[in-house]
Protein backbone atom coordinates (compact mmCIF):
# COMPACT_ATOMS: atom_id res chain seq x y z
CA MET A 1 0.00 0.00 0.00
CA ASN A 2 1.11 3.54 -0.68
CA PRO A 3 1.83 5.15 2.74
CA LEU A 4 1.25 8.66 1.36
CA TRP A 5 -2.24 7.69 0.23
CA GLU A 6 -2.94 6.01 3.56
CA GLN A 7 -1.98 9.17 5.42
CA PHE A 8 -3.99 11.34 3.06
CA VAL A 9 -7.14 9.26 3.56
CA VAL A 10 -6.76 9.37 7.35
CA GLU A 11 -6.40 13.16 7.42
CA SER A 12 -8.95 13.96 4.69
CA THR A 13 -12.74 13.91 4.66
CA LEU A 14 -12.78 10.92 2.31
CA PRO A 15 -14.69 7.94 3.69
CA GLU A 16 -12.49 5.20 5.12
CA GLU A 17 -13.74 2.72 2.55
CA ALA A 18 -12.38 4.95 -0.22
CA GLY A 19 -8.88 4.16 0.90
CA GLU A 20 -9.54 0.44 0.97
CA ALA A 21 -11.29 0.30 -2.39
CA SER A 22 -8.88 2.49 -4.34
CA LYS A 23 -6.11 1.33 -6.63
CA VAL A 24 -2.98 3.34 -5.90
CA GLY A 25 0.37 3.32 -7.64
CA LYS A 26 3.75 3.65 -6.02
CA PRO A 27 4.68 7.27 -5.27
CA LYS A 28 7.01 8.91 -7.74
CA PRO A 29 9.64 11.16 -6.13
CA PRO A 30 9.67 14.97 -6.19
CA GLY A 31 10.62 16.23 -9.61
CA SER A 32 8.58 13.55 -11.41
CA TRP A 33 5.73 15.83 -12.41
CA HIS A 34 6.14 17.73 -15.67
CA GLN A 35 3.94 20.36 -17.26
CA GLU A 36 2.67 19.79 -20.78
CA SER A 37 3.73 23.13 -22.27
CA THR A 38 6.12 26.03 -21.86
CA GLU A 39 3.04 28.27 -21.71
CA PHE A 40 2.10 26.65 -18.41
CA THR A 41 5.54 27.46 -16.99
CA LEU A 42 5.34 31.08 -18.07
CA LEU A 43 1.83 31.59 -16.74
CA PHE A 44 2.03 29.71 -13.45
CA PRO A 45 5.62 29.72 -12.11
CA ALA A 46 4.57 29.36 -8.45
CA LEU A 47 2.39 26.36 -9.26
CA VAL A 48 5.20 24.79 -11.29
CA GLN A 49 7.52 25.21 -8.31
CA LEU A 50 5.00 23.71 -5.89
CA LEU A 51 4.10 20.69 -8.02
CA GLY A 52 7.75 20.08 -8.77
CA LYS A 53 8.34 19.55 -5.04
CA ALA A 54 5.56 16.97 -4.71
CA SER A 55 5.61 13.21 -4.68
CA VAL A 56 3.05 12.03 -7.24
CA SER A 57 0.86 8.93 -6.96
CA SER A 58 -1.74 7.63 -9.39
CA VAL A 59 -5.11 6.86 -7.80
CA GLU A 60 -8.14 5.06 -9.21
CA MET A 61 -11.23 5.65 -7.07
CA ASP A 62 -14.82 4.85 -8.03
CA GLU A 63 -13.60 4.14 -11.58
CA ASN A 64 -12.22 7.68 -11.85
CA GLN A 65 -8.55 8.55 -12.28
CA TYR A 66 -6.71 11.00 -10.03
CA GLN A 67 -3.24 12.13 -9.02
CA LEU A 68 -2.19 12.59 -5.41
CA PHE A 69 0.35 15.37 -4.98
CA SER A 70 1.89 15.14 -1.51
CA TRP A 71 4.52 17.03 0.43
CA GLN A 72 6.21 15.54 3.49
CA GLN A 73 8.15 18.37 5.11
CA SER A 74 8.72 16.49 8.39
CA ASP A 75 7.36 13.55 10.39
CA ASP A 76 4.48 15.68 11.66
CA GLN A 77 3.99 18.00 8.68
CA PHE A 78 2.21 16.47 5.72
CA SER A 79 0.07 18.07 3.05
CA GLY A 80 -1.55 16.82 -0.11
CA TRP A 81 -3.90 17.52 -2.99
CA LEU A 82 -6.14 14.98 -4.68
CA CYS A 83 -6.51 16.07 -8.28
CA PRO A 84 -8.52 14.80 -11.26
CA THR A 85 -6.44 13.65 -14.19
CA LEU A 86 -5.92 16.01 -17.09
CA VAL A 87 -8.84 16.97 -19.29
CA SER A 88 -9.56 18.54 -22.63
CA ALA A 89 -11.18 21.81 -21.62
CA PRO A 90 -14.12 23.28 -23.53
CA SER A 91 -13.56 26.38 -25.62
CA THR A 92 -15.84 28.40 -23.32
CA LEU A 93 -13.22 28.63 -20.56
CA PHE A 94 -10.68 31.42 -20.22
CA GLN A 95 -7.63 30.70 -22.38
CA ASP A 96 -5.19 30.43 -19.45
CA HIS A 97 -7.50 27.99 -17.66
CA LYS A 98 -7.52 25.77 -20.74
CA ILE A 99 -3.72 25.75 -20.70
CA LEU A 100 -3.72 24.87 -17.00
CA LEU A 101 -6.09 21.92 -17.41
CA LYS A 102 -3.78 20.29 -19.97
CA SER A 103 -1.15 19.92 -17.22
CA PHE A 104 -3.07 20.04 -13.93
CA GLY A 105 -6.65 18.94 -13.26
CA GLY A 106 -7.45 21.08 -10.22
CA ILE A 107 -8.19 20.02 -6.63
CA ILE A 108 -11.12 18.09 -5.15
CA GLU A 109 -9.69 17.27 -1.70
CA TYR A 110 -6.71 18.43 0.34
CA VAL A 111 -5.02 17.99 3.72
CA GLY A 112 -2.46 19.99 5.65
CA ALA A 113 -3.64 23.39 4.44
CA PRO A 114 -1.73 26.50 5.51
CA PRO A 115 -3.88 28.77 7.67
CA ASP A 116 -3.83 31.61 5.13
CA THR A 117 -4.96 29.61 2.09
CA TRP A 118 -7.84 31.03 0.07
CA ILE A 119 -9.17 27.55 -0.69
CA MET A 120 -10.03 26.52 2.87
CA SER A 121 -13.21 24.38 2.97
CA HIS A 122 -13.29 24.12 -0.82
CA ASP A 123 -14.03 20.85 -2.63
CA GLN A 124 -13.74 22.08 -6.22
CA VAL A 125 -10.77 24.25 -7.18
CA LEU A 126 -9.83 24.91 -10.81
CA THR A 127 -11.61 21.73 -11.90
CA LEU A 128 -13.69 21.20 -15.00
CA LYS A 129 -16.62 20.36 -12.70
CA ALA A 130 -16.38 23.74 -10.99
CA ALA A 131 -16.23 25.47 -14.37
CA GLU A 132 -19.56 23.94 -15.34
CA ARG A 133 -21.19 26.41 -12.95
CA ASP A 134 -21.67 29.88 -14.39
CA ALA A 135 -22.51 32.98 -12.34
CA ARG A 136 -26.23 32.89 -13.06
CA PHE A 137 -26.79 31.38 -9.60
CA ILE A 138 -26.24 34.92 -8.27
CA LYS A 139 -29.75 35.76 -9.49
CA ASP A 140 -30.98 33.93 -6.38
CA TYR A 141 -29.16 36.55 -4.30
CA GLU A 142 -30.33 39.68 -6.16
CA TRP A 143 -32.03 40.85 -2.95
CA ALA A 144 -28.57 41.21 -1.35
CA PHE A 145 -27.65 43.92 -3.87
CA GLU A 146 -30.22 46.23 -2.24
CA GLY A 147 -32.03 47.07 -5.45
CA ARG A 148 -28.85 47.76 -7.45
CA PRO A 149 -28.23 45.84 -10.67
CA VAL A 150 -25.64 43.08 -10.52
CA PRO A 151 -22.63 44.79 -12.16
CA ILE A 152 -21.19 41.77 -13.99
CA ASP A 153 -22.36 39.71 -16.95
CA LEU A 154 -23.51 36.52 -15.22
CA ASP A 155 -23.22 34.44 -18.40
CA GLN A 156 -19.61 35.47 -18.96
CA PHE A 157 -18.32 34.54 -15.49
CA TYR A 158 -17.87 30.94 -14.34
CA ALA A 159 -16.64 29.27 -11.15
CA ILE A 160 -13.00 28.42 -10.55
CA ALA A 161 -13.28 27.67 -6.81
CA ILE A 162 -16.33 26.71 -4.76
CA GLU A 163 -16.46 26.79 -0.96
CA ALA A 164 -18.80 24.52 0.98
CA ASN A 165 -20.80 27.50 2.27
CA GLY A 166 -21.46 28.85 -1.22
CA ASN A 167 -18.71 31.42 -1.55
CA THR A 168 -17.51 31.19 -5.14
CA THR A 169 -14.49 32.59 -6.95
CA LEU A 170 -15.41 33.53 -10.52
CA CYS A 171 -13.43 34.11 -13.70
CA HIS A 172 -14.44 36.01 -16.85
CA ARG A 173 -14.36 33.79 -19.93
CA LEU A 174 -12.65 36.35 -22.17
CA THR A 175 -10.65 38.73 -19.96
CA GLY A 176 -9.69 36.41 -17.11
CA GLU A 177 -10.92 38.95 -14.53
CA VAL A 178 -11.40 37.25 -11.14
CA VAL A 179 -14.04 38.28 -8.61
CA LEU A 180 -15.34 36.66 -5.46
CA PHE A 181 -19.00 36.20 -4.60
CA ALA A 182 -19.07 35.82 -0.82
CA PRO A 183 -22.45 36.04 0.95
CA ASP A 184 -20.93 34.34 4.03
CA HIS A 185 -17.40 35.35 4.95
CA ALA A 186 -15.03 36.96 7.43
CA PHE A 187 -12.21 37.66 4.96
CA ASP A 188 -9.84 40.58 5.38
CA HIS A 189 -8.21 40.31 1.95
CA VAL A 190 -11.22 41.47 -0.09
CA VAL A 191 -12.85 44.82 -0.94
CA PRO A 192 -16.37 45.31 -2.31
CA TYR A 193 -16.66 45.26 -6.08
CA ARG A 194 -17.52 48.66 -7.49
CA GLY A 195 -20.98 49.76 -6.34
CA CYS A 196 -21.70 46.53 -4.48
CA PRO A 197 -22.85 46.21 -0.86
CA GLU A 198 -21.09 43.91 1.60
CA TYR A 199 -21.62 40.15 1.32
CA THR A 200 -22.04 40.20 -2.44
CA LEU A 201 -19.25 40.67 -4.99
CA TYR A 202 -15.65 41.46 -4.08
CA ASN A 203 -12.28 42.17 -5.60
CA ILE A 204 -9.41 40.22 -4.06
CA GLU A 205 -6.59 42.48 -2.94
CA GLY A 206 -3.50 42.04 -5.10
CA VAL A 207 -5.30 39.78 -7.57
CA ARG A 208 -7.09 40.87 -10.71
CA ASP A 209 -6.99 37.89 -13.05
CA PHE A 210 -6.86 34.12 -13.33
CA ARG A 211 -3.09 33.93 -13.62
CA SER A 212 -2.40 35.99 -10.50
CA TRP A 213 -5.04 34.11 -8.49
CA VAL A 214 -3.54 30.70 -9.32
CA ASN A 215 -0.01 31.83 -8.46
CA ALA A 216 -1.19 33.46 -5.22
CA VAL A 217 -2.85 30.24 -4.07
CA ALA A 218 0.20 28.17 -5.01
CA THR A 219 2.47 30.57 -3.10
CA GLN A 220 0.34 30.11 0.01
CA TRP A 221 1.15 26.39 -0.07
CA LEU A 222 4.87 26.76 -0.76
CA VAL A 223 7.05 26.19 2.30
């Protein structure tokens, strides 16, 4: 059995039987992962650095294929990402996201998160499944805008990260602009989107687009 997978299952929210039923390959050492294009390296240098430090294990679970990226900094410091295998992204996604998905499938489960990570309590990050959700769900929250029109094109934004409580990071399909819809939060790194009341749309300080958001999240996990 792969000890990295065993530890990941114990520390994650995956059911215990998932660990027993899964087919897991032997871990490949740090440096085994390679991006599919030079474009990926240029766009996401922090993510390239982080994934290059990871041990990589193949995982088959419920007839689906995944990769486990894991980092063992010490005997008591372990972190990991469970990631879908690579996909062919639809043309409707932002161009940089399509490049990312050719080399990295996103995150559906993690352990050992740093306390400052922006993806705490998320179960879909940068995945194709997350991207299937566009911003039209915000229509259910129009009351929160206090009679003001929602200032973004809901068809043109789609989800790149979904928190369990409904907070959703959104990306524009053409420009790559990133905004956060957060009706339930206590964040101190966000400012209200222009003309928006609290607990609706936000800009993320220091981040304006898909590329900078991905690198910021990867940097939070680098140690």
